[in-house]
Amino acid sequence: MRRLLAVLLMSLSVAAHAGNTFRVGNSVLTVGDSAARVMQLMGQPDYKEPVESDFGGFRGERWQYMRDNGHVVTITILSGRIYDIQDRTR
């Protein structure tokens, strides 16, 4: 019973980690990579918007990329590093 629970918990942690990656050709972007790495793999974003703190100050940016397959990839950059990656259909 304990082994089953351990396997279940490990599979859930792998699934959660896989949600924070994005494949670009033969490379993979992951949370924690630098903004320079995003620019190297994906180029200039199609749209940028500021991310504000709770007090209205600048905290980072959200970069949006339109992909050929009808997806919009949104990468949140905080302190020069990838904080979040979202891949959604239009």
PDB file of N, CA and C in Angstrom:
ATOM      1  N   MET A   1       0.825  -1.194   0.000  1.00  0.00           N
ATOM      2  CA  MET A   1       0.000   0.000   0.000  1.00  0.00           C
ATOM      3  C   MET A   1       0.874   1.264   0.000  1.00  0.00           C
ATOM      4  N   ARG A   2       1.932   1.227   0.795  1.00  0.00           N
ATOM      5  CA  ARG A   2       2.815   2.397   0.856  1.00  0.00           C
ATOM      6  C   ARG A   2       3.524   2.632  -0.472  1.00  0.00           C
ATOM      7  N   ARG A   3       3.908   1.535  -1.136  1.00  0.00           N
ATOM      8  CA  ARG A   3       4.567   1.677  -2.429  1.00  0.00           C
ATOM      9  C   ARG A   3       3.637   2.314  -3.453  1.00  0.00           C
ATOM     10  N   LEU A   4       2.385   1.912  -3.431  1.00  0.00           N
ATOM     11  CA  LEU A   4       1.409   2.486  -4.351  1.00  0.00           C
ATOM     12  C   LEU A   4       1.256   3.982  -4.104  1.00  0.00           C
ATOM     13  N   LEU A   5       1.175   4.367  -2.849  1.00  0.00           N
ATOM     14  CA  LEU A   5       1.062   5.781  -2.492  1.00  0.00           C
ATOM     15  C   LEU A   5       2.313   6.551  -2.932  1.00  0.00           C
ATOM     16  N   ALA A   6       3.490   5.964  -2.728  1.00  0.00           N
ATOM     17  CA  ALA A   6       4.733   6.623  -3.122  1.00  0.00           C
ATOM     18  C   ALA A   6       4.801   6.815  -4.639  1.00  0.00           C
ATOM     19  N   VAL A   7       4.406   5.800  -5.393  1.00  0.00           N
ATOM     20  CA  VAL A   7       4.419   5.902  -6.856  1.00  0.00           C
ATOM     21  C   VAL A   7       3.429   6.964  -7.320  1.00  0.00           C
ATOM     22  N   LEU A   8       2.266   7.006  -6.704  1.00  0.00           N
ATOM     23  CA  LEU A   8       1.260   8.000  -7.058  1.00  0.00           C
ATOM     24  C   LEU A   8       1.768   9.413  -6.791  1.00  0.00           C
ATOM     25  N   LEU A   9       2.361   9.642  -5.645  1.00  0.00           N
ATOM     26  CA  LEU A   9       2.881  10.962  -5.300  1.00  0.00           C
ATOM     27  C   LEU A   9       4.027  11.378  -6.225  1.00  0.00           C
ATOM     28  N   MET A  10       4.889  10.440  -6.588  1.00  0.00           N
ATOM     29  CA  MET A  10       5.992  10.758  -7.493  1.00  0.00           C
ATOM     30  C   MET A  10       5.477  11.092  -8.886  1.00  0.00           C
ATOM     31  N   SER A  11       4.461  10.412  -9.348  1.00  0.00           N
ATOM     32  CA  SER A  11       3.920  10.705 -10.674  1.00  0.00           C
ATOM     33  C   SER A  11       3.260  12.075 -10.700  1.00  0.00           C
ATOM     34  N   LEU A  12       2.626  12.477  -9.612  1.00  0.00           N
ATOM     35  CA  LEU A  12       2.027  13.805  -9.543  1.00  0.00           C
ATOM     36  C   LEU A  12       3.089  14.890  -9.550  1.00  0.00           C
ATOM     37  N   SER A  13       4.200  14.678  -8.867  1.00  0.00           N
ATOM     38  CA  SER A  13       5.256  15.689  -8.844  1.00  0.00           C
ATOM     39  C   SER A  13       5.910  15.828 -10.213  1.00  0.00           C
ATOM     40  N   VAL A  14       6.049  14.754 -10.968  1.00  0.00           N
ATOM     41  CA  VAL A  14       6.602  14.821 -12.311  1.00  0.00           C
ATOM     42  C   VAL A  14       5.653  15.587 -13.226  1.00  0.00           C
ATOM     43  N   ALA A  15       4.355  15.357 -13.092  1.00  0.00           N
ATOM     44  CA  ALA A  15       3.377  16.060 -13.923  1.00  0.00           C
ATOM     45  C   ALA A  15       3.387  17.551 -13.634  1.00  0.00           C
ATOM     46  N   ALA A  16       3.533  17.941 -12.393  1.00  0.00           N
ATOM     47  CA  ALA A  16       3.566  19.356 -12.036  1.00  0.00           C
ATOM     48  C   ALA A  16       4.816  20.019 -12.607  1.00  0.00           C
ATOM     49  N   HIS A  17       5.924  19.325 -12.585  1.00  0.00           N
ATOM     50  CA  HIS A  17       7.162  19.883 -13.112  1.00  0.00           C
ATOM     51  C   HIS A  17       7.097  20.032 -14.620  1.00  0.00           C
ATOM     52  N   ALA A  18       6.464  19.095 -15.298  1.00  0.00           N
ATOM     53  CA  ALA A  18       6.397  19.135 -16.758  1.00  0.00           C
ATOM     54  C   ALA A  18       5.585  20.328 -17.251  1.00  0.00           C
ATOM     55  N   GLY A  19       4.711  20.883 -16.426  1.00  0.00           N
ATOM     56  CA  GLY A  19       3.917  22.032 -16.817  1.00  0.00           C
ATOM     57  C   GLY A  19       4.714  23.318 -16.891  1.00  0.00           C
ATOM     58  N   ASN A  20       5.934  23.322 -16.407  1.00  0.00           N
ATOM     59  CA  ASN A  20       6.761  24.521 -16.402  1.00  0.00           C
ATOM     60  C   ASN A  20       7.904  24.428 -17.395  1.00  0.00           C
ATOM     61  N   THR A  21       7.673  23.712 -18.491  1.00  0.00           N
ATOM     62  CA  THR A  21       8.661  23.620 -19.553  1.00  0.00           C
ATOM     63  C   THR A  21       7.982  23.912 -20.885  1.00  0.00           C
ATOM     64  N   PHE A  22       8.793  24.272 -21.866  1.00  0.00           N
ATOM     65  CA  PHE A  22       8.265  24.514 -23.202  1.00  0.00           C
ATOM     66  C   PHE A  22       9.335  24.145 -24.216  1.00  0.00           C
ATOM     67  N   ARG A  23       8.985  23.290 -25.154  1.00  0.00           N
ATOM     68  CA  ARG A  23       9.933  22.847 -26.176  1.00  0.00           C
ATOM     69  C   ARG A  23       9.960  23.848 -27.328  1.00  0.00           C
ATOM     70  N   VAL A  24      11.189  24.232 -27.716  1.00  0.00           N
ATOM     71  CA  VAL A  24      11.416  25.114 -28.853  1.00  0.00           C
ATOM     72  C   VAL A  24      12.418  24.397 -29.756  1.00  0.00           C
ATOM     73  N   GLY A  25      11.928  23.763 -30.812  1.00  0.00           N
ATOM     74  CA  GLY A  25      12.810  22.985 -31.677  1.00  0.00           C
ATOM     75  C   GLY A  25      13.424  21.833 -30.898  1.00  0.00           C
ATOM     76  N   ASN A  26      14.760  21.779 -30.858  1.00  0.00           N
ATOM     77  CA  ASN A  26      15.464  20.731 -30.125  1.00  0.00           C
ATOM     78  C   ASN A  26      15.823  21.157 -28.709  1.00  0.00           C
ATOM     79  N   SER A  27      15.434  22.362 -28.295  1.00  0.00           N
ATOM     80  CA  SER A  27      15.771  22.879 -26.964  1.00  0.00           C
ATOM     81  C   SER A  27      14.528  22.968 -26.096  1.00  0.00           C
ATOM     82  N   VAL A  28      14.746  23.130 -24.801  1.00  0.00           N
ATOM     83  CA  VAL A  28      13.644  23.227 -23.850  1.00  0.00           C
ATOM     84  C   VAL A  28      13.876  24.427 -22.941  1.00  0.00           C
ATOM     85  N   LEU A  29      12.835  25.258 -22.800  1.00  0.00           N
ATOM     86  CA  LEU A  29      12.855  26.349 -21.824  1.00  0.00           C
ATOM     87  C   LEU A  29      12.231  25.839 -20.537  1.00  0.00           C
ATOM     88  N   THR A  30      12.813  26.167 -19.411  1.00  0.00           N
ATOM     89  CA  THR A  30      12.256  25.770 -18.121  1.00  0.00           C
ATOM     90  C   THR A  30      12.222  26.972 -17.189  1.00  0.00           C
ATOM     91  N   VAL A  31      11.379  26.882 -16.182  1.00  0.00           N
ATOM     92  CA  VAL A  31      11.322  27.925 -15.165  1.00  0.00           C
ATOM     93  C   VAL A  31      12.709  28.043 -14.535  1.00  0.00           C
ATOM     94  N   GLY A  32      13.178  29.274 -14.403  1.00  0.00           N
ATOM     95  CA  GLY A  32      14.504  29.529 -13.855  1.00  0.00           C
ATOM     96  C   GLY A  32      15.526  29.906 -14.914  1.00  0.00           C
ATOM     97  N   ASP A  33      15.226  29.595 -16.193  1.00  0.00           N
ATOM     98  CA  ASP A  33      16.119  30.022 -17.274  1.00  0.00           C
ATOM     99  C   ASP A  33      16.111  31.548 -17.379  1.00  0.00           C
ATOM    100  N   SER A  34      17.150  32.095 -17.980  1.00  0.00           N
ATOM    101  CA  SER A  34      17.269  33.555 -18.080  1.00  0.00           C
ATOM    102  C   SER A  34      16.411  34.108 -19.215  1.00  0.00           C
ATOM    103  N   ALA A  35      16.132  35.403 -19.126  1.00  0.00           N
ATOM    104  CA  ALA A  35      15.402  36.094 -20.185  1.00  0.00           C
ATOM    105  C   ALA A  35      16.220  36.080 -21.474  1.00  0.00           C
ATOM    106  N   ALA A  36      17.545  36.112 -21.364  1.00  0.00           N
ATOM    107  CA  ALA A  36      18.407  36.050 -22.541  1.00  0.00           C
ATOM    108  C   ALA A  36      18.237  34.719 -23.274  1.00  0.00           C
ATOM    109  N   ARG A  37      18.036  33.648 -22.524  1.00  0.00           N
ATOM    110  CA  ARG A  37      17.811  32.326 -23.134  1.00  0.00           C
ATOM    111  C   ARG A  37      16.491  32.317 -23.908  1.00  0.00           C
ATOM    112  N   VAL A  38      15.467  32.966 -23.366  1.00  0.00           N
ATOM    113  CA  VAL A  38      14.182  33.065 -24.062  1.00  0.00           C
ATOM    114  C   VAL A  38      14.377  33.807 -25.381  1.00  0.00           C
ATOM    115  N   MET A  39      15.086  34.925 -25.348  1.00  0.00           N
ATOM    116  CA  MET A  39      15.329  35.716 -26.554  1.00  0.00           C
ATOM    117  C   MET A  39      16.148  34.920 -27.571  1.00  0.00           C
ATOM    118  N   GLN A  40      17.102  34.130 -27.091  1.00  0.00           N
ATOM    119  CA  GLN A  40      17.934  33.319 -27.976  1.00  0.00           C
ATOM    120  C   GLN A  40      17.094  32.272 -28.709  1.00  0.00           C
ATOM    121  N   LEU A  41      16.168  31.627 -28.002  1.00  0.00           N
ATOM    122  CA  LEU A  41      15.384  30.547 -28.597  1.00  0.00           C
ATOM    123  C   LEU A  41      14.137  31.030 -29.334  1.00  0.00           C
ATOM    124  N   MET A  42      13.499  32.095 -28.825  1.00  0.00           N
ATOM    125  CA  MET A  42      12.197  32.491 -29.360  1.00  0.00           C
ATOM    126  C   MET A  42      12.200  33.850 -30.051  1.00  0.00           C
ATOM    127  N   GLY A  43      13.252  34.624 -29.879  1.00  0.00           N
ATOM    128  CA  GLY A  43      13.325  35.941 -30.510  1.00  0.00           C
ATOM    129  C   GLY A  43      12.539  36.986 -29.740  1.00  0.00           C
ATOM    130  N   GLN A  44      12.277  38.100 -30.414  1.00  0.00           N
ATOM    131  CA  GLN A  44      11.516  39.192 -29.804  1.00  0.00           C
ATOM    132  C   GLN A  44      10.066  38.762 -29.588  1.00  0.00           C
ATOM    133  N   PRO A  45       9.479  39.086 -28.441  1.00  0.00           N
ATOM    134  CA  PRO A  45       8.071  38.742 -28.224  1.00  0.00           C
ATOM    135  C   PRO A  45       7.148  39.589 -29.103  1.00  0.00           C
ATOM    136  N   ASP A  46       5.984  39.036 -29.405  1.00  0.00           N
ATOM    137  CA  ASP A  46       4.986  39.768 -30.179  1.00  0.00           C
ATOM    138  C   ASP A  46       4.312  40.845 -29.335  1.00  0.00           C
ATOM    139  N   TYR A  47       4.266  40.630 -28.027  1.00  0.00           N
ATOM    140  CA  TYR A  47       3.624  41.589 -27.118  1.00  0.00           C
ATOM    141  C   TYR A  47       4.286  41.485 -25.757  1.00  0.00           C
ATOM    142  N   LYS A  48       4.503  42.635 -25.124  1.00  0.00           N
ATOM    143  CA  LYS A  48       5.041  42.692 -23.758  1.00  0.00           C
ATOM    144  C   LYS A  48       4.085  43.498 -22.900  1.00  0.00           C
ATOM    145  N   GLU A  49       3.870  43.040 -21.666  1.00  0.00           N
ATOM    146  CA  GLU A  49       3.088  43.827 -20.716  1.00  0.00           C
ATOM    147  C   GLU A  49       3.781  43.791 -19.355  1.00  0.00           C
ATOM    148  N   PRO A  50       3.741  44.892 -18.627  1.00  0.00           N
ATOM    149  CA  PRO A  50       4.402  44.923 -17.316  1.00  0.00           C
ATOM    150  C   PRO A  50       3.626  44.112 -16.279  1.00  0.00           C
ATOM    151  N   VAL A  51       4.366  43.558 -15.331  1.00  0.00           N
ATOM    152  CA  VAL A  51       3.776  42.888 -14.174  1.00  0.00           C
ATOM    153  C   VAL A  51       4.055  43.793 -12.985  1.00  0.00           C
ATOM    154  N   GLU A  52       2.991  44.214 -12.303  1.00  0.00           N
ATOM    155  CA  GLU A  52       3.141  45.142 -11.179  1.00  0.00           C
ATOM    156  C   GLU A  52       3.065  44.406  -9.848  1.00  0.00           C
ATOM    157  N   SER A  53       3.725  44.961  -8.858  1.00  0.00           N
ATOM    158  CA  SER A  53       3.621  44.438  -7.494  1.00  0.00           C
ATOM    159  C   SER A  53       2.285  44.860  -6.900  1.00  0.00           C
ATOM    160  N   ASP A  54       1.999  44.408  -5.708  1.00  0.00           N
ATOM    161  CA  ASP A  54       0.747  44.773  -5.032  1.00  0.00           C
ATOM    162  C   ASP A  54       0.644  46.272  -4.780  1.00  0.00           C
ATOM    163  N   PHE A  55       1.784  46.950  -4.763  1.00  0.00           N
ATOM    164  CA  PHE A  55       1.804  48.379  -4.488  1.00  0.00           C
ATOM    165  C   PHE A  55       1.920  49.224  -5.752  1.00  0.00           C
ATOM    166  N   GLY A  56       1.848  48.590  -6.933  1.00  0.00           N
ATOM    167  CA  GLY A  56       1.878  49.307  -8.190  1.00  0.00           C
ATOM    168  C   GLY A  56       3.244  49.504  -8.789  1.00  0.00           C
ATOM    169  N   GLY A  57       4.287  48.984  -8.146  1.00  0.00           N
ATOM    170  CA  GLY A  57       5.637  49.110  -8.691  1.00  0.00           C
ATOM    171  C   GLY A  57       5.932  48.037  -9.728  1.00  0.00           C
ATOM    172  N   PHE A  58       6.959  48.272 -10.530  1.00  0.00           N
ATOM    173  CA  PHE A  58       7.362  47.326 -11.569  1.00  0.00           C
ATOM    174  C   PHE A  58       7.950  46.074 -10.936  1.00  0.00           C
ATOM    175  N   ARG A  59       7.462  44.912 -11.364  1.00  0.00           N
ATOM    176  CA  ARG A  59       7.951  43.639 -10.831  1.00  0.00           C
ATOM    177  C   ARG A  59       8.593  42.789 -11.915  1.00  0.00           C
ATOM    178  N   GLY A  60       8.119  42.914 -13.158  1.00  0.00           N
ATOM    179  CA  GLY A  60       8.643  42.113 -14.259  1.00  0.00           C
ATOM    180  C   GLY A  60       7.798  42.337 -15.496  1.00  0.00           C
ATOM    181  N   GLU A  61       7.846  41.359 -16.417  1.00  0.00           N
ATOM    182  CA  GLU A  61       7.094  41.472 -17.665  1.00  0.00           C
ATOM    183  C   GLU A  61       6.496  40.122 -18.051  1.00  0.00           C
ATOM    184  N   ARG A  62       5.396  40.181 -18.818  1.00  0.00           N
ATOM    185  CA  ARG A  62       4.837  38.998 -19.471  1.00  0.00           C
ATOM    186  C   ARG A  62       5.101  39.158 -20.957  1.00  0.00           C
ATOM    187  N   TRP A  63       5.745  38.160 -21.541  1.00  0.00           N
ATOM    188  CA  TRP A  63       6.039  38.164 -22.965  1.00  0.00           C
ATOM    189  C   TRP A  63       5.121  37.170 -23.646  1.00  0.00           C
ATOM    190  N   GLN A  64       4.460  37.595 -24.722  1.00  0.00           N
ATOM    191  CA  GLN A  64       3.561  36.721 -25.468  1.00  0.00           C
ATOM    192  C   GLN A  64       4.117  36.462 -26.861  1.00  0.00           C
ATOM    193  N   TYR A  65       4.059  35.204 -27.248  1.00  0.00           N
ATOM    194  CA  TYR A  65       4.508  34.769 -28.566  1.00  0.00           C
ATOM    195  C   TYR A  65       3.359  34.054 -29.260  1.00  0.00           C
ATOM    196  N   MET A  66       3.050  34.466 -30.494  1.00  0.00           N
ATOM    197  CA  MET A  66       2.056  33.784 -31.317  1.00  0.00           C
ATOM    198  C   MET A  66       2.773  32.678 -32.080  1.00  0.00           C
ATOM    199  N   ARG A  67       2.299  31.448 -31.939  1.00  0.00           N
ATOM    200  CA  ARG A  67       2.907  30.301 -32.624  1.00  0.00           C
ATOM    201  C   ARG A  67       2.091  29.937 -33.858  1.00  0.00           C
ATOM    202  N   ASP A  68       2.710  29.284 -34.820  1.00  0.00           N
ATOM    203  CA  ASP A  68       2.052  28.912 -36.070  1.00  0.00           C
ATOM    204  C   ASP A  68       0.912  27.918 -35.870  1.00  0.00           C
ATOM    205  N   ASN A  69       0.961  27.144 -34.811  1.00  0.00           N
ATOM    206  CA  ASN A  69      -0.049  26.111 -34.585  1.00  0.00           C
ATOM    207  C   ASN A  69      -1.289  26.635 -33.856  1.00  0.00           C
ATOM    208  N   GLY A  70      -1.470  27.954 -33.790  1.00  0.00           N
ATOM    209  CA  GLY A  70      -2.649  28.521 -33.144  1.00  0.00           C
ATOM    210  C   GLY A  70      -2.529  28.679 -31.641  1.00  0.00           C
ATOM    211  N   HIS A  71      -1.330  28.545 -31.112  1.00  0.00           N
ATOM    212  CA  HIS A  71      -1.115  28.676 -29.672  1.00  0.00           C
ATOM    213  C   HIS A  71      -0.498  30.030 -29.354  1.00  0.00           C
ATOM    214  N   VAL A  72      -0.786  30.506 -28.152  1.00  0.00           N
ATOM    215  CA  VAL A  72      -0.143  31.700 -27.613  1.00  0.00           C
ATOM    216  C   VAL A  72       0.667  31.250 -26.405  1.00  0.00           C
ATOM    217  N   VAL A  73       1.965  31.500 -26.443  1.00  0.00           N
ATOM    218  CA  VAL A  73       2.847  31.146 -25.338  1.00  0.00           C
ATOM    219  C   VAL A  73       3.110  32.415 -24.549  1.00  0.00           C
ATOM    220  N   THR A  74       2.787  32.387 -23.259  1.00  0.00           N
ATOM    221  CA  THR A  74       3.017  33.528 -22.375  1.00  0.00           C
ATOM    222  C   THR A  74       4.097  33.148 -21.380  1.00  0.00           C
ATOM    223  N   ILE A  75       5.171  33.927 -21.362  1.00  0.00           N
ATOM    224  CA  ILE A  75       6.292  33.684 -20.456  1.00  0.00           C
ATOM    225  C   ILE A  75       6.392  34.876 -19.523  1.00  0.00           C
ATOM    226  N   THR A  76       6.290  34.610 -18.230  1.00  0.00           N
ATOM    227  CA  THR A  76       6.411  35.659 -17.216  1.00  0.00           C
ATOM    228  C   THR A  76       7.865  35.730 -16.767  1.00  0.00           C
ATOM    229  N   ILE A  77       8.449  36.919 -16.875  1.00  0.00           N
ATOM    230  CA  ILE A  77       9.843  37.165 -16.509  1.00  0.00           C
ATOM    231  C   ILE A  77       9.861  38.033 -15.255  1.00  0.00           C
ATOM    232  N   LEU A  78      10.468  37.531 -14.189  1.00  0.00           N
ATOM    233  CA  LEU A  78      10.655  38.301 -12.959  1.00  0.00           C
ATOM    234  C   LEU A  78      12.129  38.257 -12.595  1.00  0.00           C
ATOM    235  N   SER A  79      12.713  39.392 -12.334  1.00  0.00           N
ATOM    236  CA  SER A  79      14.131  39.507 -11.968  1.00  0.00           C
ATOM    237  C   SER A  79      15.048  38.856 -12.999  1.00  0.00           C
ATOM    238  N   GLY A  80      14.683  38.962 -14.279  1.00  0.00           N
ATOM    239  CA  GLY A  80      15.530  38.453 -15.339  1.00  0.00           C
ATOM    240  C   GLY A  80      15.466  36.952 -15.559  1.00  0.00           C
ATOM    241  N   ARG A  81      14.551  36.269 -14.878  1.00  0.00           N
ATOM    242  CA  ARG A  81      14.416  34.804 -14.988  1.00  0.00           C
ATOM    243  C   ARG A  81      12.978  34.426 -15.302  1.00  0.00           C
ATOM    244  N   ILE A  82      12.807  33.264 -15.943  1.00  0.00           N
ATOM    245  CA  ILE A  82      11.460  32.762 -16.230  1.00  0.00           C
ATOM    246  C   ILE A  82      10.800  32.361 -14.917  1.00  0.00           C
ATOM    247  N   TYR A  83       9.634  32.923 -14.661  1.00  0.00           N
ATOM    248  CA  TYR A  83       8.863  32.608 -13.462  1.00  0.00           C
ATOM    249  C   TYR A  83       7.727  31.636 -13.790  1.00  0.00           C
ATOM    250  N   ASP A  84       7.135  31.775 -15.001  1.00  0.00           N
ATOM    251  CA  ASP A  84       5.993  30.939 -15.378  1.00  0.00           C
ATOM    252  C   ASP A  84       5.927  30.833 -16.889  1.00  0.00           C
ATOM    253  N   ILE A  85       5.462  29.678 -17.374  1.00  0.00           N
ATOM    254  CA  ILE A  85       5.264  29.449 -18.803  1.00  0.00           C
ATOM    255  C   ILE A  85       3.852  28.916 -19.006  1.00  0.00           C
ATOM    256  N   GLN A  86       3.093  29.543 -19.901  1.00  0.00           N
ATOM    257  CA  GLN A  86       1.747  29.085 -20.218  1.00  0.00           C
ATOM    258  C   GLN A  86       1.608  28.954 -21.723  1.00  0.00           C
ATOM    259  N   ASP A  87       1.115  27.809 -22.178  1.00  0.00           N
ATOM    260  CA  ASP A  87       0.903  27.544 -23.599  1.00  0.00           C
ATOM    261  C   ASP A  87      -0.590  27.296 -23.786  1.00  0.00           C
ATOM    262  N   ARG A  88      -1.270  28.225 -24.448  1.00  0.00           N
ATOM    263  CA  ARG A  88      -2.726  28.137 -24.604  1.00  0.00           C
ATOM    264  C   ARG A  88      -3.119  28.294 -26.058  1.00  0.00           C
ATOM    265  N   THR A  89      -4.295  27.743 -26.396  1.00  0.00           N
ATOM    266  CA  THR A  89      -4.815  27.950 -27.732  1.00  0.00           C
ATOM    267  C   THR A  89      -5.477  29.320 -27.779  1.00  0.00           C
ATOM    268  N   ARG A  90      -5.549  29.895 -28.969  1.00  0.00           N
ATOM    269  CA  ARG A  90      -6.125  31.231 -29.126  1.00  0.00           C
ATOM    270  C   ARG A  90      -7.568  31.287 -28.774  1.00  0.00           C
TER     271      ARG A  90
END
